[in-house]
N, C-alpha and C. Protein backbone atom coordinates (compact mmCIF):
# COMPACT_ATOMS: atom_id res chain seq x y z
N MET A 1 -10.59 -13.76 -14.88
CA MET A 1 -9.78 -12.70 -14.29
C MET A 1 -8.32 -13.14 -14.32
N THR A 2 -7.45 -12.23 -14.70
CA THR A 2 -6.02 -12.56 -14.76
C THR A 2 -5.39 -12.47 -13.37
N ILE A 3 -4.22 -13.03 -13.26
CA ILE A 3 -3.50 -12.99 -11.98
C ILE A 3 -3.13 -11.55 -11.62
N GLU A 4 -2.80 -10.75 -12.64
CA GLU A 4 -2.47 -9.34 -12.37
C GLU A 4 -3.67 -8.62 -11.75
N LEU A 5 -4.86 -8.88 -12.27
CA LEU A 5 -6.05 -8.25 -11.70
C LEU A 5 -6.34 -8.75 -10.29
N ILE A 6 -6.02 -10.00 -10.03
CA ILE A 6 -6.16 -10.54 -8.67
C ILE A 6 -5.20 -9.82 -7.73
N TYR A 7 -3.95 -9.62 -8.19
CA TYR A 7 -3.00 -8.86 -7.36
C TYR A 7 -3.47 -7.42 -7.16
N LEU A 8 -4.07 -6.84 -8.19
CA LEU A 8 -4.61 -5.48 -8.05
C LEU A 8 -5.72 -5.46 -7.01
N ALA A 9 -6.65 -6.41 -7.08
CA ALA A 9 -7.73 -6.48 -6.10
C ALA A 9 -7.17 -6.69 -4.69
N ALA A 10 -6.18 -7.55 -4.56
CA ALA A 10 -5.56 -7.80 -3.25
C ALA A 10 -4.87 -6.54 -2.74
N THR A 11 -4.27 -5.77 -3.63
CA THR A 11 -3.62 -4.53 -3.23
C THR A 11 -4.65 -3.51 -2.76
N LEU A 12 -5.82 -3.49 -3.38
CA LEU A 12 -6.87 -2.59 -2.93
C LEU A 12 -7.39 -2.99 -1.55
N ILE A 13 -7.47 -4.29 -1.29
CA ILE A 13 -7.84 -4.75 0.05
C ILE A 13 -6.76 -4.34 1.06
N LEU A 14 -5.51 -4.46 0.65
CA LEU A 14 -4.40 -4.03 1.50
C LEU A 14 -4.50 -2.52 1.79
N ALA A 15 -4.86 -1.74 0.79
CA ALA A 15 -5.02 -0.30 0.98
C ALA A 15 -6.13 -0.01 1.99
N LEU A 16 -7.22 -0.75 1.90
CA LEU A 16 -8.31 -0.58 2.86
C LEU A 16 -7.85 -0.95 4.27
N ALA A 17 -7.09 -2.03 4.38
CA ALA A 17 -6.55 -2.43 5.68
C ALA A 17 -5.66 -1.33 6.25
N GLN A 18 -4.93 -0.65 5.36
CA GLN A 18 -4.04 0.41 5.82
C GLN A 18 -4.81 1.66 6.24
N VAL A 19 -6.07 1.77 5.84
CA VAL A 19 -6.93 2.83 6.36
C VAL A 19 -7.44 2.42 7.74
N LEU A 20 -7.84 1.15 7.86
CA LEU A 20 -8.47 0.68 9.09
C LEU A 20 -7.49 0.50 10.25
N LEU A 21 -6.26 0.09 9.97
CA LEU A 21 -5.29 -0.12 11.05
C LEU A 21 -5.04 1.13 11.89
N PRO A 22 -4.63 2.24 11.28
CA PRO A 22 -4.43 3.43 12.11
C PRO A 22 -5.73 3.96 12.70
N ALA A 23 -6.83 3.81 11.98
CA ALA A 23 -8.12 4.27 12.52
C ALA A 23 -8.47 3.51 13.79
N GLY A 24 -8.23 2.22 13.79
CA GLY A 24 -8.51 1.41 14.98
C GLY A 24 -7.62 1.79 16.16
N ILE A 25 -6.35 2.02 15.88
CA ILE A 25 -5.42 2.42 16.95
C ILE A 25 -5.81 3.79 17.50
N ARG A 26 -6.18 4.70 16.60
CA ARG A 26 -6.61 6.03 17.02
C ARG A 26 -7.85 5.93 17.90
N GLU A 27 -8.78 5.07 17.51
CA GLU A 27 -10.01 4.88 18.28
C GLU A 27 -9.70 4.36 19.68
N LEU A 28 -8.77 3.40 19.76
CA LEU A 28 -8.38 2.87 21.07
C LEU A 28 -7.70 3.93 21.93
N GLU A 29 -6.88 4.74 21.29
CA GLU A 29 -6.14 5.75 22.05
C GLU A 29 -7.01 6.92 22.50
N PHE A 30 -7.87 7.42 21.61
CA PHE A 30 -8.64 8.63 21.91
C PHE A 30 -10.06 8.35 22.41
N GLY A 31 -10.55 7.13 22.22
CA GLY A 31 -11.85 6.75 22.74
C GLY A 31 -12.99 6.87 21.75
N LEU A 32 -14.07 6.21 22.09
CA LEU A 32 -15.25 6.14 21.24
C LEU A 32 -15.93 7.50 21.09
N VAL A 33 -15.94 8.29 22.15
CA VAL A 33 -16.57 9.61 22.08
C VAL A 33 -15.85 10.46 21.03
N TRP A 34 -14.53 10.44 21.06
CA TRP A 34 -13.78 11.18 20.05
C TRP A 34 -14.05 10.61 18.66
N GLY A 35 -14.04 9.29 18.55
CA GLY A 35 -14.20 8.64 17.25
C GLY A 35 -15.54 8.89 16.59
N THR A 36 -16.57 9.07 17.39
CA THR A 36 -17.90 9.31 16.83
C THR A 36 -18.25 10.80 16.82
N GLY A 37 -17.34 11.61 17.29
CA GLY A 37 -17.59 13.05 17.34
C GLY A 37 -17.14 13.76 16.08
N SER A 38 -17.07 15.07 16.16
CA SER A 38 -16.73 15.90 15.00
C SER A 38 -15.24 15.91 14.69
N ARG A 39 -14.42 15.52 15.64
CA ARG A 39 -12.96 15.49 15.50
C ARG A 39 -12.37 16.87 15.17
N ASP A 40 -13.05 17.91 15.63
CA ASP A 40 -12.53 19.26 15.40
C ASP A 40 -11.19 19.46 16.09
N HIS A 41 -11.01 18.80 17.22
CA HIS A 41 -9.78 18.96 17.99
C HIS A 41 -9.19 17.58 18.25
N THR A 42 -8.43 17.11 17.29
CA THR A 42 -7.81 15.80 17.44
C THR A 42 -6.56 15.94 18.29
N PRO A 43 -6.49 15.19 19.39
CA PRO A 43 -5.29 15.26 20.22
C PRO A 43 -4.08 14.67 19.47
N VAL A 44 -2.92 15.09 19.89
CA VAL A 44 -1.69 14.54 19.31
C VAL A 44 -1.47 13.15 19.90
N SER A 45 -1.22 12.20 19.03
CA SER A 45 -1.00 10.83 19.48
C SER A 45 0.41 10.67 20.03
N LYS A 46 0.52 9.88 21.06
CA LYS A 46 1.82 9.54 21.62
C LYS A 46 2.25 8.14 21.19
N ASN A 47 1.45 7.53 20.31
CA ASN A 47 1.69 6.17 19.85
C ASN A 47 2.57 6.18 18.60
N LEU A 48 3.81 5.72 18.73
CA LEU A 48 4.74 5.70 17.61
C LEU A 48 4.24 4.82 16.46
N ILE A 49 3.64 3.71 16.80
CA ILE A 49 3.17 2.78 15.76
C ILE A 49 2.06 3.43 14.93
N LEU A 50 1.18 4.19 15.57
CA LEU A 50 0.13 4.89 14.85
C LEU A 50 0.73 5.81 13.79
N GLY A 51 1.69 6.61 14.18
CA GLY A 51 2.34 7.51 13.24
C GLY A 51 3.02 6.76 12.10
N ARG A 52 3.65 5.67 12.43
CA ARG A 52 4.32 4.87 11.39
C ARG A 52 3.31 4.26 10.44
N LEU A 53 2.20 3.76 10.96
CA LEU A 53 1.16 3.18 10.10
C LEU A 53 0.54 4.24 9.19
N GLU A 54 0.37 5.43 9.71
CA GLU A 54 -0.17 6.51 8.88
C GLU A 54 0.82 6.90 7.78
N ARG A 55 2.11 6.91 8.09
CA ARG A 55 3.12 7.22 7.07
C ARG A 55 3.23 6.10 6.05
N ALA A 56 3.09 4.86 6.50
CA ALA A 56 3.12 3.72 5.57
C ALA A 56 1.93 3.80 4.61
N LYS A 57 0.78 4.18 5.13
CA LYS A 57 -0.41 4.35 4.29
C LYS A 57 -0.17 5.45 3.26
N ALA A 58 0.34 6.58 3.70
CA ALA A 58 0.61 7.69 2.78
C ALA A 58 1.61 7.27 1.72
N ASN A 59 2.59 6.47 2.13
CA ASN A 59 3.60 5.99 1.19
C ASN A 59 2.96 5.10 0.12
N LEU A 60 2.06 4.21 0.53
CA LEU A 60 1.36 3.36 -0.44
C LEU A 60 0.57 4.22 -1.41
N TYR A 61 -0.13 5.23 -0.88
CA TYR A 61 -0.99 6.04 -1.73
C TYR A 61 -0.21 6.88 -2.75
N GLU A 62 1.10 7.03 -2.58
CA GLU A 62 1.91 7.74 -3.57
C GLU A 62 2.05 6.94 -4.86
N THR A 63 2.15 5.63 -4.75
CA THR A 63 2.36 4.81 -5.96
C THR A 63 1.14 4.00 -6.36
N LEU A 64 0.16 3.88 -5.49
CA LEU A 64 -1.01 3.06 -5.78
C LEU A 64 -1.75 3.49 -7.06
N PRO A 65 -1.99 4.78 -7.29
CA PRO A 65 -2.66 5.15 -8.55
C PRO A 65 -1.86 4.73 -9.79
N LEU A 66 -0.56 4.82 -9.70
CA LEU A 66 0.28 4.39 -10.83
C LEU A 66 0.16 2.90 -11.07
N PHE A 67 0.15 2.13 -9.98
CA PHE A 67 0.02 0.68 -10.08
C PHE A 67 -1.34 0.31 -10.66
N ILE A 68 -2.39 0.93 -10.16
CA ILE A 68 -3.74 0.67 -10.67
C ILE A 68 -3.79 0.95 -12.17
N GLY A 69 -3.33 2.12 -12.55
CA GLY A 69 -3.35 2.50 -13.97
C GLY A 69 -2.55 1.56 -14.84
N ALA A 70 -1.36 1.21 -14.39
CA ALA A 70 -0.49 0.34 -15.20
C ALA A 70 -1.11 -1.05 -15.38
N VAL A 71 -1.64 -1.62 -14.31
CA VAL A 71 -2.24 -2.95 -14.41
C VAL A 71 -3.48 -2.91 -15.30
N LEU A 72 -4.30 -1.89 -15.15
CA LEU A 72 -5.50 -1.80 -15.98
C LEU A 72 -5.17 -1.56 -17.45
N ILE A 73 -4.20 -0.71 -17.73
CA ILE A 73 -3.79 -0.48 -19.12
C ILE A 73 -3.24 -1.77 -19.72
N ALA A 74 -2.42 -2.48 -18.95
CA ALA A 74 -1.87 -3.75 -19.45
C ALA A 74 -2.99 -4.73 -19.77
N HIS A 75 -3.99 -4.77 -18.93
CA HIS A 75 -5.11 -5.70 -19.14
C HIS A 75 -5.93 -5.30 -20.37
N VAL A 76 -6.30 -4.03 -20.46
CA VAL A 76 -7.15 -3.56 -21.55
C VAL A 76 -6.46 -3.68 -22.90
N THR A 77 -5.16 -3.43 -22.92
CA THR A 77 -4.43 -3.47 -24.20
C THR A 77 -3.88 -4.85 -24.52
N GLY A 78 -4.05 -5.78 -23.62
CA GLY A 78 -3.52 -7.12 -23.86
C GLY A 78 -2.02 -7.21 -23.72
N ALA A 79 -1.44 -6.29 -22.95
CA ALA A 79 0.01 -6.26 -22.77
C ALA A 79 0.47 -7.12 -21.60
N GLU A 80 -0.43 -7.91 -21.03
CA GLU A 80 -0.04 -8.75 -19.91
C GLU A 80 0.97 -9.79 -20.37
N SER A 81 1.98 -9.97 -19.53
CA SER A 81 3.08 -10.87 -19.87
C SER A 81 3.76 -11.31 -18.58
N ALA A 82 4.87 -11.98 -18.73
CA ALA A 82 5.66 -12.36 -17.55
C ALA A 82 6.08 -11.11 -16.77
N LEU A 83 6.36 -10.02 -17.49
CA LEU A 83 6.76 -8.78 -16.81
C LEU A 83 5.64 -8.24 -15.93
N THR A 84 4.41 -8.23 -16.45
CA THR A 84 3.31 -7.71 -15.65
C THR A 84 2.99 -8.64 -14.49
N LEU A 85 3.11 -9.93 -14.73
CA LEU A 85 2.85 -10.89 -13.64
C LEU A 85 3.87 -10.74 -12.52
N TRP A 86 5.15 -10.71 -12.87
CA TRP A 86 6.20 -10.54 -11.85
C TRP A 86 6.10 -9.16 -11.20
N GLY A 87 5.81 -8.15 -12.01
CA GLY A 87 5.70 -6.80 -11.47
C GLY A 87 4.58 -6.67 -10.47
N ALA A 88 3.41 -7.19 -10.81
CA ALA A 88 2.26 -7.11 -9.90
C ALA A 88 2.53 -7.91 -8.62
N ALA A 89 3.14 -9.08 -8.78
CA ALA A 89 3.46 -9.91 -7.61
C ALA A 89 4.46 -9.21 -6.70
N LEU A 90 5.52 -8.68 -7.28
CA LEU A 90 6.53 -7.97 -6.48
C LEU A 90 5.92 -6.78 -5.76
N TYR A 91 5.12 -6.01 -6.49
CA TYR A 91 4.51 -4.83 -5.89
C TYR A 91 3.64 -5.23 -4.69
N PHE A 92 2.74 -6.19 -4.90
CA PHE A 92 1.84 -6.58 -3.81
C PHE A 92 2.59 -7.13 -2.61
N TRP A 93 3.45 -8.12 -2.81
CA TRP A 93 4.12 -8.77 -1.68
C TRP A 93 5.06 -7.81 -0.95
N ALA A 94 5.70 -6.92 -1.70
CA ALA A 94 6.58 -5.93 -1.05
C ALA A 94 5.75 -4.94 -0.23
N ARG A 95 4.60 -4.51 -0.79
CA ARG A 95 3.76 -3.57 -0.05
C ARG A 95 3.20 -4.24 1.21
N LEU A 96 2.89 -5.52 1.13
CA LEU A 96 2.42 -6.25 2.31
C LEU A 96 3.51 -6.35 3.37
N ALA A 97 4.72 -6.67 2.95
CA ALA A 97 5.84 -6.78 3.89
C ALA A 97 6.22 -5.43 4.49
N TYR A 98 5.98 -4.37 3.73
CA TYR A 98 6.36 -3.02 4.14
C TYR A 98 5.62 -2.58 5.41
N ILE A 99 4.38 -3.00 5.56
CA ILE A 99 3.55 -2.54 6.69
C ILE A 99 4.17 -2.90 8.04
N PRO A 100 4.42 -4.18 8.31
CA PRO A 100 5.01 -4.48 9.63
C PRO A 100 6.43 -3.94 9.78
N LEU A 101 7.19 -3.91 8.69
CA LEU A 101 8.55 -3.37 8.77
C LEU A 101 8.52 -1.90 9.18
N TYR A 102 7.60 -1.14 8.57
CA TYR A 102 7.50 0.27 8.91
C TYR A 102 6.93 0.43 10.33
N ALA A 103 5.88 -0.33 10.65
CA ALA A 103 5.25 -0.21 11.97
C ALA A 103 6.24 -0.51 13.09
N LEU A 104 7.13 -1.47 12.86
CA LEU A 104 8.11 -1.84 13.89
C LEU A 104 9.38 -0.98 13.84
N GLY A 105 9.45 -0.07 12.87
CA GLY A 105 10.59 0.84 12.78
C GLY A 105 11.87 0.18 12.31
N VAL A 106 11.75 -0.84 11.46
CA VAL A 106 12.93 -1.55 10.96
C VAL A 106 13.59 -0.70 9.87
N PRO A 107 14.81 -0.22 10.11
CA PRO A 107 15.48 0.58 9.09
C PRO A 107 16.10 -0.30 8.01
N VAL A 108 16.54 0.27 6.96
CA VAL A 108 17.26 -0.33 5.84
C VAL A 108 16.42 -1.40 5.13
N VAL A 109 16.04 -2.47 5.83
CA VAL A 109 15.26 -3.53 5.20
C VAL A 109 13.94 -2.94 4.67
N ARG A 110 13.33 -2.07 5.47
CA ARG A 110 12.10 -1.41 5.03
C ARG A 110 12.32 -0.68 3.72
N SER A 111 13.42 0.04 3.62
CA SER A 111 13.72 0.78 2.39
C SER A 111 14.00 -0.16 1.22
N LEU A 112 14.68 -1.26 1.49
CA LEU A 112 14.93 -2.24 0.44
C LEU A 112 13.63 -2.86 -0.06
N VAL A 113 12.71 -3.13 0.85
CA VAL A 113 11.41 -3.68 0.46
C VAL A 113 10.64 -2.65 -0.36
N TRP A 114 10.74 -1.39 -0.01
CA TRP A 114 10.09 -0.35 -0.80
C TRP A 114 10.66 -0.34 -2.22
N ILE A 115 11.97 -0.50 -2.34
CA ILE A 115 12.60 -0.54 -3.67
C ILE A 115 12.07 -1.73 -4.47
N VAL A 116 11.87 -2.86 -3.82
CA VAL A 116 11.30 -4.03 -4.51
C VAL A 116 9.92 -3.69 -5.05
N SER A 117 9.10 -2.99 -4.27
CA SER A 117 7.77 -2.60 -4.76
C SER A 117 7.88 -1.67 -5.95
N LEU A 118 8.85 -0.77 -5.91
CA LEU A 118 9.07 0.15 -7.03
C LEU A 118 9.52 -0.61 -8.28
N VAL A 119 10.38 -1.60 -8.10
CA VAL A 119 10.81 -2.43 -9.23
C VAL A 119 9.60 -3.14 -9.83
N GLY A 120 8.70 -3.64 -8.98
CA GLY A 120 7.49 -4.28 -9.48
C GLY A 120 6.66 -3.32 -10.32
N LEU A 121 6.48 -2.11 -9.84
CA LEU A 121 5.74 -1.11 -10.59
C LEU A 121 6.42 -0.81 -11.92
N ILE A 122 7.72 -0.67 -11.90
CA ILE A 122 8.47 -0.39 -13.13
C ILE A 122 8.36 -1.54 -14.13
N LEU A 123 8.34 -2.77 -13.64
CA LEU A 123 8.17 -3.92 -14.55
C LEU A 123 6.82 -3.85 -15.26
N VAL A 124 5.77 -3.54 -14.52
CA VAL A 124 4.44 -3.45 -15.14
C VAL A 124 4.44 -2.31 -16.17
N LEU A 125 4.99 -1.16 -15.81
CA LEU A 125 5.04 -0.03 -16.75
C LEU A 125 5.89 -0.36 -17.98
N THR A 126 6.99 -1.05 -17.78
CA THR A 126 7.85 -1.42 -18.90
C THR A 126 7.11 -2.30 -19.90
N ALA A 127 6.30 -3.22 -19.38
CA ALA A 127 5.54 -4.12 -20.26
C ALA A 127 4.60 -3.36 -21.19
N LEU A 128 4.20 -2.17 -20.81
CA LEU A 128 3.30 -1.39 -21.64
C LEU A 128 3.99 -0.86 -22.89
N PHE A 129 5.32 -0.82 -22.88
CA PHE A 129 6.06 -0.23 -24.00
C PHE A 129 6.89 -1.23 -24.78
N ILE A 130 6.79 -2.50 -24.41
CA ILE A 130 7.56 -3.53 -25.13
C ILE A 130 6.66 -4.21 -26.15
């Protein structure tokens, strides 16, 4: 397995964690009865961190399919290179750093970290055409 595929697998684990984090907070806030029920009437959360974690998850899901596709195409076509390695690493580590930055409401730095993840994705995509 290549390092890029390891970063892809780690990113998928990160995506799963981003599903579980807000779900756990929601469960704590609304209770087990709500969590195991039909959830037809979900109360509005007053927890700022929950909302931020849900938005961070949605943000990841905007670029995750592109990252998955780019890494897999690079692997299948043999286009893996220093660009794909750096790109996958930047994408993963930036996405990991993004979670606490967003959850804590850190402005500017959070956006800069998001840009780093985008640069990582662009590096992987660029390698497909060089």
